[in-house]
């Protein structure tokens, strides 16, 4: 398995995004997410590690 090294700033950014996540429907009702954004998010989700 390849080892990836992330800087402290990169790790902190991930932790911040996870801890500050919010449901955007509450802030922007009836908003539309562009197809390219959805595709990018799905691609990232498919690349995420899986534990069983």
PDB file of N, CA and C in Angstrom:
ATOM      1  N   UNK A   1       0.840  -1.176   0.000  1.00  0.00           N
ATOM      2  CA  UNK A   1       0.000   0.000   0.000  1.00  0.00           C
ATOM      3  C   UNK A   1       0.886   1.239   0.000  1.00  0.00           C
ATOM      4  N   UNK A   2       0.493   2.236  -0.743  1.00  0.00           N
ATOM      5  CA  UNK A   2       1.252   3.477  -0.816  1.00  0.00           C
ATOM      6  C   UNK A   2       0.966   4.332   0.414  1.00  0.00           C
ATOM      7  N   UNK A   3       2.013   4.869   0.993  1.00  0.00           N
ATOM      8  CA  UNK A   3       1.852   5.773   2.130  1.00  0.00           C
ATOM      9  C   UNK A   3       1.701   7.199   1.604  1.00  0.00           C
ATOM     10  N   UNK A   4       0.729   7.915   2.125  1.00  0.00           N
ATOM     11  CA  UNK A   4       0.526   9.301   1.756  1.00  0.00           C
ATOM     12  C   UNK A   4       0.873  10.171   2.952  1.00  0.00           C
ATOM     13  N   UNK A   5       1.598  11.213   2.699  1.00  0.00           N
ATOM     14  CA  UNK A   5       1.960  12.131   3.774  1.00  0.00           C
ATOM     15  C   UNK A   5       1.219  13.447   3.564  1.00  0.00           C
ATOM     16  N   UNK A   6       0.467  13.846   4.555  1.00  0.00           N
ATOM     17  CA  UNK A   6      -0.250  15.106   4.493  1.00  0.00           C
ATOM     18  C   UNK A   6       0.365  16.061   5.499  1.00  0.00           C
ATOM     19  N   UNK A   7       0.401  17.313   5.136  1.00  0.00           N
ATOM     20  CA  UNK A   7       0.944  18.314   6.054  1.00  0.00           C
ATOM     21  C   UNK A   7      -0.038  18.515   7.208  1.00  0.00           C
ATOM     22  N   UNK A   8       0.439  19.121   8.268  1.00  0.00           N
ATOM     23  CA  UNK A   8      -0.428  19.408   9.409  1.00  0.00           C
ATOM     24  C   UNK A   8      -1.584  20.313   8.984  1.00  0.00           C
ATOM     25  N   UNK A   9      -1.311  21.263   8.105  1.00  0.00           N
ATOM     26  CA  UNK A   9      -2.355  22.177   7.632  1.00  0.00           C
ATOM     27  C   UNK A   9      -3.419  21.425   6.832  1.00  0.00           C
ATOM     28  N   UNK A  10      -3.002  20.468   6.004  1.00  0.00           N
ATOM     29  CA  UNK A  10      -3.959  19.679   5.228  1.00  0.00           C
ATOM     30  C   UNK A  10      -4.831  18.820   6.143  1.00  0.00           C
ATOM     31  N   UNK A  11      -4.216  18.188   7.131  1.00  0.00           N
ATOM     32  CA  UNK A  11      -4.985  17.377   8.082  1.00  0.00           C
ATOM     33  C   UNK A  11      -5.975  18.247   8.847  1.00  0.00           C
ATOM     34  N   UNK A  12      -5.526  19.410   9.289  1.00  0.00           N
ATOM     35  CA  UNK A  12      -6.402  20.316  10.029  1.00  0.00           C
ATOM     36  C   UNK A  12      -7.567  20.774   9.163  1.00  0.00           C
ATOM     37  N   UNK A  13      -7.324  21.018   7.884  1.00  0.00           N
ATOM     38  CA  UNK A  13      -8.398  21.433   6.979  1.00  0.00           C
ATOM     39  C   UNK A  13      -9.460  20.344   6.860  1.00  0.00           C
ATOM     40  N   UNK A  14      -9.037  19.095   6.770  1.00  0.00           N
ATOM     41  CA  UNK A  14      -9.991  17.982   6.690  1.00  0.00           C
ATOM     42  C   UNK A  14     -10.807  17.895   7.972  1.00  0.00           C
ATOM     43  N   UNK A  15     -10.147  17.964   9.113  1.00  0.00           N
ATOM     44  CA  UNK A  15     -10.857  17.903  10.391  1.00  0.00           C
ATOM     45  C   UNK A  15     -11.870  19.041  10.515  1.00  0.00           C
ATOM     46  N   UNK A  16     -11.470  20.238  10.074  1.00  0.00           N
ATOM     47  CA  UNK A  16     -12.364  21.395  10.159  1.00  0.00           C
ATOM     48  C   UNK A  16     -13.593  21.199   9.277  1.00  0.00           C
ATOM     49  N   UNK A  17     -13.380  20.744   8.051  1.00  0.00           N
ATOM     50  CA  UNK A  17     -14.501  20.535   7.131  1.00  0.00           C
ATOM     51  C   UNK A  17     -15.463  19.484   7.684  1.00  0.00           C
ATOM     52  N   UNK A  18     -14.928  18.407   8.225  1.00  0.00           N
ATOM     53  CA  UNK A  18     -15.786  17.361   8.781  1.00  0.00           C
ATOM     54  C   UNK A  18     -16.574  17.895   9.974  1.00  0.00           C
ATOM     55  N   UNK A  19     -15.920  18.608  10.864  1.00  0.00           N
ATOM     56  CA  UNK A  19     -16.602  19.082  12.072  1.00  0.00           C
ATOM     57  C   UNK A  19     -17.583  20.213  11.799  1.00  0.00           C
ATOM     58  N   UNK A  20     -17.384  20.959  10.712  1.00  0.00           N
ATOM     59  CA  UNK A  20     -18.260  22.090  10.405  1.00  0.00           C
ATOM     60  C   UNK A  20     -19.277  21.782   9.317  1.00  0.00           C
ATOM     61  N   UNK A  21     -19.421  20.522   8.962  1.00  0.00           N
ATOM     62  CA  UNK A  21     -20.339  20.167   7.876  1.00  0.00           C
ATOM     63  C   UNK A  21     -21.763  20.565   8.256  1.00  0.00           C
ATOM     64  N   UNK A  22     -22.527  20.940   7.266  1.00  0.00           N
ATOM     65  CA  UNK A  22     -23.911  21.347   7.486  1.00  0.00           C
ATOM     66  C   UNK A  22     -24.769  20.921   6.302  1.00  0.00           C
ATOM     67  N   UNK A  23     -26.034  20.790   6.561  1.00  0.00           N
ATOM     68  CA  UNK A  23     -27.006  20.501   5.519  1.00  0.00           C
ATOM     69  C   UNK A  23     -27.343  21.821   4.827  1.00  0.00           C
ATOM     70  N   UNK A  24     -26.957  21.967   3.581  1.00  0.00           N
ATOM     71  CA  UNK A  24     -27.127  23.239   2.876  1.00  0.00           C
ATOM     72  C   UNK A  24     -28.579  23.533   2.516  1.00  0.00           C
ATOM     73  N   UNK A  25     -29.445  22.526   2.514  1.00  0.00           N
ATOM     74  CA  UNK A  25     -30.847  22.790   2.186  1.00  0.00           C
ATOM     75  C   UNK A  25     -31.457  23.802   3.152  1.00  0.00           C
ATOM     76  N   UNK A  26     -30.948  23.806   4.371  1.00  0.00           N
ATOM     77  CA  UNK A  26     -31.459  24.729   5.379  1.00  0.00           C
ATOM     78  C   UNK A  26     -31.043  26.174   5.060  1.00  0.00           C
ATOM     79  N   UNK A  27     -29.881  26.355   4.451  1.00  0.00           N
ATOM     80  CA  UNK A  27     -29.353  27.688   4.175  1.00  0.00           C
ATOM     81  C   UNK A  27     -29.748  28.210   2.799  1.00  0.00           C
ATOM     82  N   UNK A  28     -29.827  27.330   1.829  1.00  0.00           N
ATOM     83  CA  UNK A  28     -30.118  27.735   0.457  1.00  0.00           C
ATOM     84  C   UNK A  28     -31.230  26.831  -0.087  1.00  0.00           C
ATOM     85  N   UNK A  29     -32.483  27.118   0.269  1.00  0.00           N
ATOM     86  CA  UNK A  29     -33.572  26.261  -0.208  1.00  0.00           C
ATOM     87  C   UNK A  29     -33.703  26.325  -1.728  1.00  0.00           C
ATOM     88  N   UNK A  30     -34.081  25.211  -2.298  1.00  0.00           N
ATOM     89  CA  UNK A  30     -34.311  25.102  -3.744  1.00  0.00           C
ATOM     90  C   UNK A  30     -33.076  25.398  -4.584  1.00  0.00           C
ATOM     91  N   UNK A  31     -31.891  25.212  -4.012  1.00  0.00           N
ATOM     92  CA  UNK A  31     -30.676  25.435  -4.797  1.00  0.00           C
ATOM     93  C   UNK A  31     -30.386  24.204  -5.653  1.00  0.00           C
ATOM     94  N   UNK A  32     -29.663  24.413  -6.734  1.00  0.00           N
ATOM     95  CA  UNK A  32     -29.308  23.332  -7.644  1.00  0.00           C
ATOM     96  C   UNK A  32     -27.795  23.178  -7.636  1.00  0.00           C
ATOM     97  N   UNK A  33     -27.340  21.941  -7.451  1.00  0.00           N
ATOM     98  CA  UNK A  33     -25.907  21.656  -7.467  1.00  0.00           C
ATOM     99  C   UNK A  33     -25.532  21.286  -8.895  1.00  0.00           C
ATOM    100  N   UNK A  34     -24.525  21.948  -9.469  1.00  0.00           N
ATOM    101  CA  UNK A  34     -24.114  21.647 -10.844  1.00  0.00           C
ATOM    102  C   UNK A  34     -23.674  20.185 -10.994  1.00  0.00           C
ATOM    103  N   UNK A  35     -23.959  19.616 -12.156  1.00  0.00           N
ATOM    104  CA  UNK A  35     -23.612  18.217 -12.432  1.00  0.00           C
ATOM    105  C   UNK A  35     -22.129  17.936 -12.223  1.00  0.00           C
ATOM    106  N   UNK A  36     -21.256  18.870 -12.620  1.00  0.00           N
ATOM    107  CA  UNK A  36     -19.817  18.634 -12.477  1.00  0.00           C
ATOM    108  C   UNK A  36     -19.404  18.556 -11.006  1.00  0.00           C
ATOM    109  N   UNK A  37     -20.092  19.296 -10.143  1.00  0.00           N
ATOM    110  CA  UNK A  37     -19.806  19.225  -8.706  1.00  0.00           C
ATOM    111  C   UNK A  37     -20.242  17.871  -8.161  1.00  0.00           C
ATOM    112  N   UNK A  38     -21.433  17.422  -8.542  1.00  0.00           N
ATOM    113  CA  UNK A  38     -21.901  16.109  -8.108  1.00  0.00           C
ATOM    114  C   UNK A  38     -20.969  15.004  -8.589  1.00  0.00           C
ATOM    115  N   UNK A  39     -20.530  15.089  -9.834  1.00  0.00           N
ATOM    116  CA  UNK A  39     -19.627  14.076 -10.379  1.00  0.00           C
ATOM    117  C   UNK A  39     -18.311  14.058  -9.613  1.00  0.00           C
ATOM    118  N   UNK A  40     -17.790  15.223  -9.290  1.00  0.00           N
ATOM    119  CA  UNK A  40     -16.528  15.302  -8.537  1.00  0.00           C
ATOM    120  C   UNK A  40     -16.689  14.713  -7.136  1.00  0.00           C
ATOM    121  N   UNK A  41     -17.796  15.013  -6.477  1.00  0.00           N
ATOM    122  CA  UNK A  41     -18.055  14.465  -5.146  1.00  0.00           C
ATOM    123  C   UNK A  41     -18.212  12.946  -5.184  1.00  0.00           C
ATOM    124  N   UNK A  42     -18.935  12.437  -6.179  1.00  0.00           N
ATOM    125  CA  UNK A  42     -19.098  10.988  -6.301  1.00  0.00           C
ATOM    126  C   UNK A  42     -17.773  10.300  -6.589  1.00  0.00           C
ATOM    127  N   UNK A  43     -16.956  10.912  -7.421  1.00  0.00           N
ATOM    128  CA  UNK A  43     -15.636  10.350  -7.714  1.00  0.00           C
ATOM    129  C   UNK A  43     -14.802  10.275  -6.433  1.00  0.00           C
ATOM    130  N   UNK A  44     -14.827  11.331  -5.631  1.00  0.00           N
ATOM    131  CA  UNK A  44     -14.085  11.336  -4.370  1.00  0.00           C
ATOM    132  C   UNK A  44     -14.630  10.281  -3.414  1.00  0.00           C
ATOM    133  N   UNK A  45     -15.950  10.135  -3.356  1.00  0.00           N
ATOM    134  CA  UNK A  45     -16.553   9.138  -2.468  1.00  0.00           C
ATOM    135  C   UNK A  45     -16.176   7.721  -2.886  1.00  0.00           C
ATOM    136  N   UNK A  46     -16.137   7.465  -4.171  1.00  0.00           N
ATOM    137  CA  UNK A  46     -15.758   6.134  -4.654  1.00  0.00           C
ATOM    138  C   UNK A  46     -14.297   5.821  -4.366  1.00  0.00           C
ATOM    139  N   UNK A  47     -13.469   6.841  -4.243  1.00  0.00           N
ATOM    140  CA  UNK A  47     -12.044   6.638  -3.962  1.00  0.00           C
ATOM    141  C   UNK A  47     -11.767   6.487  -2.470  1.00  0.00           C
ATOM    142  N   UNK A  48     -12.779   6.732  -1.638  1.00  0.00           N
ATOM    143  CA  UNK A  48     -12.593   6.655  -0.186  1.00  0.00           C
ATOM    144  C   UNK A  48     -12.361   5.207   0.250  1.00  0.00           C
ATOM    145  N   UNK A  49     -11.590   5.019   1.312  1.00  0.00           N
ATOM    146  CA  UNK A  49     -11.347   3.664   1.805  1.00  0.00           C
ATOM    147  C   UNK A  49     -12.630   3.041   2.365  1.00  0.00           C
ATOM    148  N   UNK A  50     -12.677   1.735   2.314  1.00  0.00           N
ATOM    149  CA  UNK A  50     -13.836   0.990   2.799  1.00  0.00           C
ATOM    150  C   UNK A  50     -13.372   0.032   3.876  1.00  0.00           C
ATOM    151  N   UNK A  51     -14.111  -0.023   4.978  1.00  0.00           N
ATOM    152  CA  UNK A  51     -13.789  -1.032   5.984  1.00  0.00           C
ATOM    153  C   UNK A  51     -14.999  -1.925   6.155  1.00  0.00           C
ATOM    154  N   UNK A  52     -14.727  -3.171   6.388  1.00  0.00           N
ATOM    155  CA  UNK A  52     -15.821  -4.139   6.490  1.00  0.00           C
ATOM    156  C   UNK A  52     -15.833  -4.741   7.864  1.00  0.00           C
TER     157      UNK A  52
END
